[in-house]
């Protein structure tokens, strides 16, 4: 993972983490189905949706709602669980939705 000079997460690294999370979800049809249902899209629409702003942040948000799934992904990816929240914050435009609602 590429951290910037200040130690903060770059947008590219945040995207890599989210794409890895999406790939991880894709390996489990049940979890992928849950995610797609919540996202309101079908499997054939993933590629188009992934190009939309916020989709990758949504993937990470989905992981953060399920601690077991989050820990399974971070362990398989070899990253700290806190990296998911940092990547989500970066991809969500630097605004922490939950802090403002």
PDB file of N, CA and C in Angstrom:
ATOM      1  N   UNK A   1       0.830  -1.179   0.000  1.00  0.00           N
ATOM      2  CA  UNK A   1       0.000   0.000   0.000  1.00  0.00           C
ATOM      3  C   UNK A   1       0.875   1.243   0.000  1.00  0.00           C
ATOM      4  N   UNK A   2       0.458   2.209  -0.751  1.00  0.00           N
ATOM      5  CA  UNK A   2       1.244   3.423  -0.900  1.00  0.00           C
ATOM      6  C   UNK A   2       0.696   4.539  -0.027  1.00  0.00           C
ATOM      7  N   UNK A   3       1.413   4.871   1.027  1.00  0.00           N
ATOM      8  CA  UNK A   3       1.019   5.986   1.871  1.00  0.00           C
ATOM      9  C   UNK A   3       1.826   7.203   1.463  1.00  0.00           C
ATOM     10  N   UNK A   4       1.177   8.362   1.478  1.00  0.00           N
ATOM     11  CA  UNK A   4       1.858   9.595   1.089  1.00  0.00           C
ATOM     12  C   UNK A   4       2.921   9.983   2.099  1.00  0.00           C
ATOM     13  N   UNK A   5       3.601  11.082   1.821  1.00  0.00           N
ATOM     14  CA  UNK A   5       4.685  11.545   2.677  1.00  0.00           C
ATOM     15  C   UNK A   5       4.234  11.794   4.110  1.00  0.00           C
ATOM     16  N   UNK A   6       2.985  12.212   4.256  1.00  0.00           N
ATOM     17  CA  UNK A   6       2.487  12.526   5.596  1.00  0.00           C
ATOM     18  C   UNK A   6       1.970  11.275   6.304  1.00  0.00           C
ATOM     19  N   UNK A   7       1.969  10.161   5.613  1.00  0.00           N
ATOM     20  CA  UNK A   7       1.447   8.936   6.204  1.00  0.00           C
ATOM     21  C   UNK A   7      -0.040   8.779   5.964  1.00  0.00           C
ATOM     22  N   UNK A   8      -0.640   9.742   5.256  1.00  0.00           N
ATOM     23  CA  UNK A   8      -2.065   9.639   4.975  1.00  0.00           C
ATOM     24  C   UNK A   8      -2.283   8.782   3.728  1.00  0.00           C
ATOM     25  N   UNK A   9      -3.459   8.271   3.616  1.00  0.00           N
ATOM     26  CA  UNK A   9      -3.830   7.391   2.519  1.00  0.00           C
ATOM     27  C   UNK A   9      -4.024   8.202   1.239  1.00  0.00           C
ATOM     28  N   UNK A  10      -3.493   7.701   0.132  1.00  0.00           N
ATOM     29  CA  UNK A  10      -3.735   8.365  -1.148  1.00  0.00           C
ATOM     30  C   UNK A  10      -5.069   7.871  -1.707  1.00  0.00           C
ATOM     31  N   UNK A  11      -5.622   8.641  -2.636  1.00  0.00           N
ATOM     32  CA  UNK A  11      -6.874   8.232  -3.276  1.00  0.00           C
ATOM     33  C   UNK A  11      -6.682   6.911  -4.026  1.00  0.00           C
ATOM     34  N   UNK A  12      -5.543   6.754  -4.705  1.00  0.00           N
ATOM     35  CA  UNK A  12      -5.275   5.511  -5.434  1.00  0.00           C
ATOM     36  C   UNK A  12      -5.244   4.309  -4.493  1.00  0.00           C
ATOM     37  N   UNK A  13      -4.610   4.477  -3.345  1.00  0.00           N
ATOM     38  CA  UNK A  13      -4.540   3.380  -2.383  1.00  0.00           C
ATOM     39  C   UNK A  13      -5.926   3.078  -1.821  1.00  0.00           C
ATOM     40  N   UNK A  14      -6.703   4.111  -1.551  1.00  0.00           N
ATOM     41  CA  UNK A  14      -8.068   3.913  -1.064  1.00  0.00           C
ATOM     42  C   UNK A  14      -8.881   3.134  -2.102  1.00  0.00           C
ATOM     43  N   UNK A  15      -8.705   3.469  -3.371  1.00  0.00           N
ATOM     44  CA  UNK A  15      -9.402   2.747  -4.439  1.00  0.00           C
ATOM     45  C   UNK A  15      -8.930   1.301  -4.519  1.00  0.00           C
ATOM     46  N   UNK A  16      -7.629   1.074  -4.365  1.00  0.00           N
ATOM     47  CA  UNK A  16      -7.099  -0.302  -4.373  1.00  0.00           C
ATOM     48  C   UNK A  16      -7.732  -1.124  -3.258  1.00  0.00           C
ATOM     49  N   UNK A  17      -7.839  -0.527  -2.074  1.00  0.00           N
ATOM     50  CA  UNK A  17      -8.444  -1.232  -0.933  1.00  0.00           C
ATOM     51  C   UNK A  17      -9.896  -1.573  -1.241  1.00  0.00           C
ATOM     52  N   UNK A  18     -10.629  -0.613  -1.793  1.00  0.00           N
ATOM     53  CA  UNK A  18     -12.048  -0.838  -2.097  1.00  0.00           C
ATOM     54  C   UNK A  18     -12.237  -1.858  -3.209  1.00  0.00           C
ATOM     55  N   UNK A  19     -11.397  -1.807  -4.229  1.00  0.00           N
ATOM     56  CA  UNK A  19     -11.487  -2.787  -5.320  1.00  0.00           C
ATOM     57  C   UNK A  19     -11.154  -4.179  -4.793  1.00  0.00           C
ATOM     58  N   UNK A  20     -10.172  -4.247  -3.910  1.00  0.00           N
ATOM     59  CA  UNK A  20      -9.852  -5.524  -3.269  1.00  0.00           C
ATOM     60  C   UNK A  20     -11.022  -6.047  -2.459  1.00  0.00           C
ATOM     61  N   UNK A  21     -11.706  -5.136  -1.776  1.00  0.00           N
ATOM     62  CA  UNK A  21     -12.880  -5.522  -0.983  1.00  0.00           C
ATOM     63  C   UNK A  21     -13.997  -6.033  -1.884  1.00  0.00           C
ATOM     64  N   UNK A  22     -14.185  -5.382  -3.026  1.00  0.00           N
ATOM     65  CA  UNK A  22     -15.211  -5.827  -3.977  1.00  0.00           C
ATOM     66  C   UNK A  22     -14.859  -7.207  -4.524  1.00  0.00           C
ATOM     67  N   UNK A  23     -13.596  -7.430  -4.832  1.00  0.00           N
ATOM     68  CA  UNK A  23     -13.154  -8.751  -5.297  1.00  0.00           C
ATOM     69  C   UNK A  23     -13.383  -9.804  -4.219  1.00  0.00           C
ATOM     70  N   UNK A  24     -13.079  -9.425  -2.971  1.00  0.00           N
ATOM     71  CA  UNK A  24     -13.292 -10.323  -1.845  1.00  0.00           C
ATOM     72  C   UNK A  24     -14.771 -10.685  -1.735  1.00  0.00           C
ATOM     73  N   UNK A  25     -15.651  -9.691  -1.847  1.00  0.00           N
ATOM     74  CA  UNK A  25     -17.092  -9.953  -1.796  1.00  0.00           C
ATOM     75  C   UNK A  25     -17.524 -10.853  -2.945  1.00  0.00           C
ATOM     76  N   UNK A  26     -16.925 -10.652  -4.106  1.00  0.00           N
ATOM     77  CA  UNK A  26     -17.281 -11.438  -5.291  1.00  0.00           C
ATOM     78  C   UNK A  26     -16.976 -12.922  -5.121  1.00  0.00           C
ATOM     79  N   UNK A  27     -16.047 -13.238  -4.220  1.00  0.00           N
ATOM     80  CA  UNK A  27     -15.695 -14.638  -3.997  1.00  0.00           C
ATOM     81  C   UNK A  27     -16.719 -15.352  -3.117  1.00  0.00           C
ATOM     82  N   UNK A  28     -17.656 -14.603  -2.546  1.00  0.00           N
ATOM     83  CA  UNK A  28     -18.694 -15.179  -1.682  1.00  0.00           C
ATOM     84  C   UNK A  28     -20.057 -14.761  -2.232  1.00  0.00           C
ATOM     85  N   UNK A  29     -20.705 -15.646  -3.004  1.00  0.00           N
ATOM     86  CA  UNK A  29     -21.970 -15.286  -3.649  1.00  0.00           C
ATOM     87  C   UNK A  29     -23.037 -14.758  -2.675  1.00  0.00           C
ATOM     88  N   UNK A  30     -23.081 -15.303  -1.469  1.00  0.00           N
ATOM     89  CA  UNK A  30     -24.084 -14.850  -0.496  1.00  0.00           C
ATOM     90  C   UNK A  30     -23.824 -13.400  -0.077  1.00  0.00           C
ATOM     91  N   UNK A  31     -22.567 -13.075   0.239  1.00  0.00           N
ATOM     92  CA  UNK A  31     -22.220 -11.703   0.632  1.00  0.00           C
ATOM     93  C   UNK A  31     -22.384 -10.746  -0.538  1.00  0.00           C
ATOM     94  N   UNK A  32     -21.969 -11.170  -1.720  1.00  0.00           N
ATOM     95  CA  UNK A  32     -22.112 -10.325  -2.899  1.00  0.00           C
ATOM     96  C   UNK A  32     -23.589 -10.042  -3.158  1.00  0.00           C
ATOM     97  N   UNK A  33     -24.410 -11.054  -3.015  1.00  0.00           N
ATOM     98  CA  UNK A  33     -25.855 -10.880  -3.194  1.00  0.00           C
ATOM     99  C   UNK A  33     -26.435  -9.890  -2.204  1.00  0.00           C
ATOM    100  N   UNK A  34     -26.002  -9.972  -0.945  1.00  0.00           N
ATOM    101  CA  UNK A  34     -26.456  -9.016   0.069  1.00  0.00           C
ATOM    102  C   UNK A  34     -26.051  -7.596  -0.304  1.00  0.00           C
ATOM    103  N   UNK A  35     -24.798  -7.442  -0.724  1.00  0.00           N
ATOM    104  CA  UNK A  35     -24.303  -6.119  -1.091  1.00  0.00           C
ATOM    105  C   UNK A  35     -25.081  -5.566  -2.283  1.00  0.00           C
ATOM    106  N   UNK A  36     -25.238  -6.364  -3.324  1.00  0.00           N
ATOM    107  CA  UNK A  36     -25.939  -5.893  -4.515  1.00  0.00           C
ATOM    108  C   UNK A  36     -27.389  -5.533  -4.206  1.00  0.00           C
ATOM    109  N   UNK A  37     -28.012  -6.308  -3.345  1.00  0.00           N
ATOM    110  CA  UNK A  37     -29.380  -6.017  -2.942  1.00  0.00           C
ATOM    111  C   UNK A  37     -29.466  -4.662  -2.243  1.00  0.00           C
ATOM    112  N   UNK A  38     -28.534  -4.417  -1.313  1.00  0.00           N
ATOM    113  CA  UNK A  38     -28.513  -3.135  -0.612  1.00  0.00           C
ATOM    114  C   UNK A  38     -28.170  -1.981  -1.551  1.00  0.00           C
ATOM    115  N   UNK A  39     -27.314  -2.247  -2.530  1.00  0.00           N
ATOM    116  CA  UNK A  39     -26.910  -1.211  -3.487  1.00  0.00           C
ATOM    117  C   UNK A  39     -27.984  -0.970  -4.547  1.00  0.00           C
ATOM    118  N   UNK A  40     -28.889  -1.932  -4.675  1.00  0.00           N
ATOM    119  CA  UNK A  40     -29.965  -1.793  -5.654  1.00  0.00           C
ATOM    120  C   UNK A  40     -29.522  -2.022  -7.092  1.00  0.00           C
ATOM    121  N   UNK A  41     -28.510  -2.866  -7.268  1.00  0.00           N
ATOM    122  CA  UNK A  41     -28.041  -3.179  -8.621  1.00  0.00           C
ATOM    123  C   UNK A  41     -27.933  -4.686  -8.799  1.00  0.00           C
ATOM    124  N   UNK A  42     -27.850  -5.106 -10.051  1.00  0.00           N
ATOM    125  CA  UNK A  42     -27.666  -6.511 -10.366  1.00  0.00           C
ATOM    126  C   UNK A  42     -26.210  -6.801 -10.682  1.00  0.00           C
ATOM    127  N   UNK A  43     -25.843  -8.080 -10.718  1.00  0.00           N
ATOM    128  CA  UNK A  43     -24.458  -8.464 -10.972  1.00  0.00           C
ATOM    129  C   UNK A  43     -23.911  -7.898 -12.290  1.00  0.00           C
ATOM    130  N   UNK A  44     -24.753  -7.792 -13.303  1.00  0.00           N
ATOM    131  CA  UNK A  44     -24.308  -7.292 -14.607  1.00  0.00           C
ATOM    132  C   UNK A  44     -24.031  -5.791 -14.586  1.00  0.00           C
ATOM    133  N   UNK A  45     -24.440  -5.107 -13.542  1.00  0.00           N
ATOM    134  CA  UNK A  45     -24.264  -3.659 -13.458  1.00  0.00           C
ATOM    135  C   UNK A  45     -23.052  -3.230 -12.621  1.00  0.00           C
ATOM    136  N   UNK A  46     -22.324  -4.182 -12.063  1.00  0.00           N
ATOM    137  CA  UNK A  46     -21.201  -3.854 -11.176  1.00  0.00           C
ATOM    138  C   UNK A  46     -20.159  -2.992 -11.876  1.00  0.00           C
ATOM    139  N   UNK A  47     -19.785  -3.375 -13.075  1.00  0.00           N
ATOM    140  CA  UNK A  47     -18.723  -2.642 -13.785  1.00  0.00           C
ATOM    141  C   UNK A  47     -19.109  -1.174 -13.989  1.00  0.00           C
ATOM    142  N   UNK A  48     -20.340  -0.925 -14.428  1.00  0.00           N
ATOM    143  CA  UNK A  48     -20.792   0.460 -14.620  1.00  0.00           C
ATOM    144  C   UNK A  48     -20.877   1.195 -13.286  1.00  0.00           C
ATOM    145  N   UNK A  49     -21.406   0.529 -12.279  1.00  0.00           N
ATOM    146  CA  UNK A  49     -21.562   1.161 -10.967  1.00  0.00           C
ATOM    147  C   UNK A  49     -20.216   1.514 -10.352  1.00  0.00           C
ATOM    148  N   UNK A  50     -19.213   0.677 -10.583  1.00  0.00           N
ATOM    149  CA  UNK A  50     -17.896   0.916 -10.000  1.00  0.00           C
ATOM    150  C   UNK A  50     -17.272   2.216 -10.507  1.00  0.00           C
ATOM    151  N   UNK A  51     -17.722   2.691 -11.660  1.00  0.00           N
ATOM    152  CA  UNK A  51     -17.203   3.946 -12.210  1.00  0.00           C
ATOM    153  C   UNK A  51     -17.892   5.168 -11.595  1.00  0.00           C
ATOM    154  N   UNK A  52     -18.992   4.946 -10.884  1.00  0.00           N
ATOM    155  CA  UNK A  52     -19.732   6.060 -10.287  1.00  0.00           C
ATOM    156  C   UNK A  52     -19.098   6.486  -8.970  1.00  0.00           C
ATOM    157  N   UNK A  53     -19.057   7.789  -8.742  1.00  0.00           N
ATOM    158  CA  UNK A  53     -18.514   8.269  -7.458  1.00  0.00           C
ATOM    159  C   UNK A  53     -19.346   7.702  -6.302  1.00  0.00           C
ATOM    160  N   UNK A  54     -18.686   7.287  -5.302  1.00  0.00           N
ATOM    161  CA  UNK A  54     -19.383   6.786  -4.125  1.00  0.00           C
ATOM    162  C   UNK A  54     -19.586   5.280  -4.084  1.00  0.00           C
ATOM    163  N   UNK A  55     -19.511   4.616  -5.230  1.00  0.00           N
ATOM    164  CA  UNK A  55     -19.745   3.168  -5.226  1.00  0.00           C
ATOM    165  C   UNK A  55     -18.696   2.444  -4.396  1.00  0.00           C
ATOM    166  N   UNK A  56     -17.421   2.771  -4.635  1.00  0.00           N
ATOM    167  CA  UNK A  56     -16.355   2.094  -3.892  1.00  0.00           C
ATOM    168  C   UNK A  56     -16.437   2.432  -2.399  1.00  0.00           C
ATOM    169  N   UNK A  57     -16.821   3.655  -2.082  1.00  0.00           N
ATOM    170  CA  UNK A  57     -17.031   4.003  -0.669  1.00  0.00           C
ATOM    171  C   UNK A  57     -18.156   3.147  -0.091  1.00  0.00           C
ATOM    172  N   UNK A  58     -19.173   2.887  -0.899  1.00  0.00           N
ATOM    173  CA  UNK A  58     -20.282   2.035  -0.468  1.00  0.00           C
ATOM    174  C   UNK A  58     -19.849   0.607  -0.193  1.00  0.00           C
ATOM    175  N   UNK A  59     -18.909   0.106  -0.990  1.00  0.00           N
ATOM    176  CA  UNK A  59     -18.363  -1.239  -0.757  1.00  0.00           C
ATOM    177  C   UNK A  59     -17.719  -1.289   0.629  1.00  0.00           C
ATOM    178  N   UNK A  60     -16.928  -0.273   0.939  1.00  0.00           N
ATOM    179  CA  UNK A  60     -16.249  -0.239   2.237  1.00  0.00           C
ATOM    180  C   UNK A  60     -17.239  -0.035   3.377  1.00  0.00           C
ATOM    181  N   UNK A  61     -18.252   0.776   3.140  1.00  0.00           N
ATOM    182  CA  UNK A  61     -19.278   0.980   4.160  1.00  0.00           C
ATOM    183  C   UNK A  61     -19.985  -0.335   4.479  1.00  0.00           C
ATOM    184  N   UNK A  62     -20.246  -1.121   3.435  1.00  0.00           N
ATOM    185  CA  UNK A  62     -20.865  -2.436   3.613  1.00  0.00           C
ATOM    186  C   UNK A  62     -19.994  -3.319   4.509  1.00  0.00           C
ATOM    187  N   UNK A  63     -18.688  -3.321   4.254  1.00  0.00           N
ATOM    188  CA  UNK A  63     -17.768  -4.115   5.077  1.00  0.00           C
ATOM    189  C   UNK A  63     -17.773  -3.641   6.531  1.00  0.00           C
ATOM    190  N   UNK A  64     -17.812  -2.335   6.716  1.00  0.00           N
ATOM    191  CA  UNK A  64     -17.753  -1.787   8.075  1.00  0.00           C
ATOM    192  C   UNK A  64     -18.996  -2.113   8.887  1.00  0.00           C
ATOM    193  N   UNK A  65     -20.062  -2.530   8.231  1.00  0.00           N
ATOM    194  CA  UNK A  65     -21.293  -2.880   8.936  1.00  0.00           C
ATOM    195  C   UNK A  65     -21.290  -4.320   9.438  1.00  0.00           C
ATOM    196  N   UNK A  66     -20.282  -5.076   9.057  1.00  0.00           N
ATOM    197  CA  UNK A  66     -20.209  -6.494   9.439  1.00  0.00           C
ATOM    198  C   UNK A  66     -18.777  -6.788   9.902  1.00  0.00           C
ATOM    199  N   UNK A  67     -18.583  -6.799  11.215  1.00  0.00           N
ATOM    200  CA  UNK A  67     -17.227  -6.936  11.759  1.00  0.00           C
ATOM    201  C   UNK A  67     -16.540  -8.220  11.306  1.00  0.00           C
ATOM    202  N   UNK A  68     -17.281  -9.326  11.282  1.00  0.00           N
ATOM    203  CA  UNK A  68     -16.675 -10.592  10.848  1.00  0.00           C
ATOM    204  C   UNK A  68     -16.184 -10.505   9.416  1.00  0.00           C
ATOM    205  N   UNK A  69     -17.003  -9.941   8.556  1.00  0.00           N
ATOM    206  CA  UNK A  69     -16.640  -9.789   7.152  1.00  0.00           C
ATOM    207  C   UNK A  69     -15.461  -8.833   7.014  1.00  0.00           C
ATOM    208  N   UNK A  70     -15.489  -7.738   7.750  1.00  0.00           N
ATOM    209  CA  UNK A  70     -14.398  -6.764   7.740  1.00  0.00           C
ATOM    210  C   UNK A  70     -13.079  -7.419   8.135  1.00  0.00           C
ATOM    211  N   UNK A  71     -13.103  -8.165   9.220  1.00  0.00           N
ATOM    212  CA  UNK A  71     -11.881  -8.810   9.699  1.00  0.00           C
ATOM    213  C   UNK A  71     -11.396  -9.899   8.739  1.00  0.00           C
ATOM    214  N   UNK A  72     -12.341 -10.614   8.120  1.00  0.00           N
ATOM    215  CA  UNK A  72     -11.953 -11.638   7.142  1.00  0.00           C
ATOM    216  C   UNK A  72     -11.247 -10.991   5.951  1.00  0.00           C
ATOM    217  N   UNK A  73     -11.786  -9.863   5.483  1.00  0.00           N
ATOM    218  CA  UNK A  73     -11.148  -9.186   4.347  1.00  0.00           C
ATOM    219  C   UNK A  73      -9.786  -8.621   4.731  1.00  0.00           C
ATOM    220  N   UNK A  74      -9.710  -7.910   5.839  1.00  0.00           N
ATOM    221  CA  UNK A  74      -8.439  -7.281   6.195  1.00  0.00           C
ATOM    222  C   UNK A  74      -7.359  -8.322   6.461  1.00  0.00           C
ATOM    223  N   UNK A  75      -7.754  -9.454   7.026  1.00  0.00           N
ATOM    224  CA  UNK A  75      -6.770 -10.514   7.245  1.00  0.00           C
ATOM    225  C   UNK A  75      -6.280 -11.075   5.912  1.00  0.00           C
ATOM    226  N   UNK A  76      -7.203 -11.312   4.992  1.00  0.00           N
ATOM    227  CA  UNK A  76      -6.799 -11.865   3.695  1.00  0.00           C
ATOM    228  C   UNK A  76      -5.982 -10.858   2.881  1.00  0.00           C
ATOM    229  N   UNK A  77      -6.256  -9.567   3.063  1.00  0.00           N
ATOM    230  CA  UNK A  77      -5.539  -8.530   2.313  1.00  0.00           C
ATOM    231  C   UNK A  77      -4.251  -8.101   3.005  1.00  0.00           C
ATOM    232  N   UNK A  78      -4.081  -8.503   4.260  1.00  0.00           N
ATOM    233  CA  UNK A  78      -2.879  -8.138   4.995  1.00  0.00           C
ATOM    234  C   UNK A  78      -2.826  -6.661   5.366  1.00  0.00           C
ATOM    235  N   UNK A  79      -3.998  -6.099   5.654  1.00  0.00           N
ATOM    236  CA  UNK A  79      -4.049  -4.687   6.063  1.00  0.00           C
ATOM    237  C   UNK A  79      -4.747  -4.560   7.416  1.00  0.00           C
ATOM    238  N   UNK A  80      -4.497  -3.442   8.084  1.00  0.00           N
ATOM    239  CA  UNK A  80      -5.141  -3.192   9.372  1.00  0.00           C
ATOM    240  C   UNK A  80      -6.616  -2.839   9.147  1.00  0.00           C
ATOM    241  N   UNK A  81      -7.499  -3.281  10.022  1.00  0.00           N
ATOM    242  CA  UNK A  81      -8.918  -2.938   9.888  1.00  0.00           C
ATOM    243  C   UNK A  81      -9.167  -1.425   9.838  1.00  0.00           C
ATOM    244  N   UNK A  82      -8.338  -0.639  10.501  1.00  0.00           N
ATOM    245  CA  UNK A  82      -8.521   0.809  10.479  1.00  0.00           C
ATOM    246  C   UNK A  82      -8.304   1.398   9.091  1.00  0.00           C
ATOM    247  N   UNK A  83      -7.610   0.659   8.219  1.00  0.00           N
ATOM    248  CA  UNK A  83      -7.395   1.129   6.852  1.00  0.00           C
ATOM    249  C   UNK A  83      -8.704   1.199   6.073  1.00  0.00           C
ATOM    250  N   UNK A  84      -9.666   0.370   6.445  1.00  0.00           N
ATOM    251  CA  UNK A  84     -10.959   0.386   5.760  1.00  0.00           C
ATOM    252  C   UNK A  84     -11.666   1.714   6.032  1.00  0.00           C
ATOM    253  N   UNK A  85     -11.677   2.127   7.285  1.00  0.00           N
ATOM    254  CA  UNK A  85     -12.313   3.406   7.627  1.00  0.00           C
ATOM    255  C   UNK A  85     -11.577   4.572   6.982  1.00  0.00           C
ATOM    256  N   UNK A  86     -10.261   4.525   6.959  1.00  0.00           N
ATOM    257  CA  UNK A  86      -9.473   5.599   6.339  1.00  0.00           C
ATOM    258  C   UNK A  86      -9.753   5.669   4.837  1.00  0.00           C
ATOM    259  N   UNK A  87      -9.809   4.519   4.186  1.00  0.00           N
ATOM    260  CA  UNK A  87     -10.089   4.481   2.751  1.00  0.00           C
ATOM    261  C   UNK A  87     -11.509   4.967   2.471  1.00  0.00           C
ATOM    262  N   UNK A  88     -12.446   4.566   3.320  1.00  0.00           N
ATOM    263  CA  UNK A  88     -13.833   5.018   3.153  1.00  0.00           C
ATOM    264  C   UNK A  88     -13.910   6.530   3.251  1.00  0.00           C
ATOM    265  N   UNK A  89     -13.253   7.090   4.236  1.00  0.00           N
ATOM    266  CA  UNK A  89     -13.259   8.534   4.428  1.00  0.00           C
ATOM    267  C   UNK A  89     -12.672   9.241   3.204  1.00  0.00           C
ATOM    268  N   UNK A  90     -11.594   8.705   2.666  1.00  0.00           N
ATOM    269  CA  UNK A  90     -10.954   9.298   1.487  1.00  0.00           C
ATOM    270  C   UNK A  90     -11.891   9.232   0.280  1.00  0.00           C
ATOM    271  N   UNK A  91     -12.523   8.086   0.069  1.00  0.00           N
ATOM    272  CA  UNK A  91     -13.387   7.908  -1.098  1.00  0.00           C
ATOM    273  C   UNK A  91     -14.717   8.639  -0.961  1.00  0.00           C
ATOM    274  N   UNK A  92     -15.119   8.903   0.259  1.00  0.00           N
ATOM    275  CA  UNK A  92     -16.384   9.609   0.490  1.00  0.00           C
ATOM    276  C   UNK A  92     -16.172  11.124   0.411  1.00  0.00           C
ATOM    277  N   UNK A  93     -14.994  11.547  -0.038  1.00  0.00           N
ATOM    278  CA  UNK A  93     -14.724  12.959  -0.219  1.00  0.00           C
ATOM    279  C   UNK A  93     -14.218  13.652   1.015  1.00  0.00           C
ATOM    280  N   UNK A  94     -13.717  12.883   1.944  1.00  0.00           N
ATOM    281  CA  UNK A  94     -13.160  13.471   3.150  1.00  0.00           C
ATOM    282  C   UNK A  94     -14.201  13.889   4.167  1.00  0.00           C
ATOM    283  N   UNK A  95     -15.455  13.588   3.898  1.00  0.00           N
ATOM    284  CA  UNK A  95     -16.526  13.936   4.835  1.00  0.00           C
ATOM    285  C   UNK A  95     -16.982  12.665   5.526  1.00  0.00           C
ATOM    286  N   UNK A  96     -16.955  12.686   6.829  1.00  0.00           N
ATOM    287  CA  UNK A  96     -17.436  11.551   7.602  1.00  0.00           C
ATOM    288  C   UNK A  96     -18.935  11.726   7.818  1.00  0.00           C
ATOM    289  N   UNK A  97     -19.724  11.000   7.048  1.00  0.00           N
ATOM    290  CA  UNK A  97     -21.170  11.104   7.102  1.00  0.00           C
ATOM    291  C   UNK A  97     -21.697  10.924   8.521  1.00  0.00           C
ATOM    292  N   UNK A  98     -21.164   9.951   9.221  1.00  0.00           N
ATOM    293  CA  UNK A  98     -21.680   9.623  10.539  1.00  0.00           C
ATOM    294  C   UNK A  98     -21.376  10.695  11.571  1.00  0.00           C
ATOM    295  N   UNK A  99     -20.344  11.472  11.369  1.00  0.00           N
ATOM    296  CA  UNK A  99     -20.007  12.537  12.306  1.00  0.00           C
ATOM    297  C   UNK A  99     -20.962  13.726  12.181  1.00  0.00           C
ATOM    298  N   UNK A 100     -21.634  13.813  11.049  1.00  0.00           N
ATOM    299  CA  UNK A 100     -22.515  14.955  10.810  1.00  0.00           C
ATOM    300  C   UNK A 100     -23.997  14.612  10.941  1.00  0.00           C
ATOM    301  N   UNK A 101     -24.324  13.350  11.224  1.00  0.00           N
ATOM    302  CA  UNK A 101     -25.727  12.952  11.343  1.00  0.00           C
ATOM    303  C   UNK A 101     -26.001  12.247  12.642  1.00  0.00           C
TER     304      UNK A 101
END
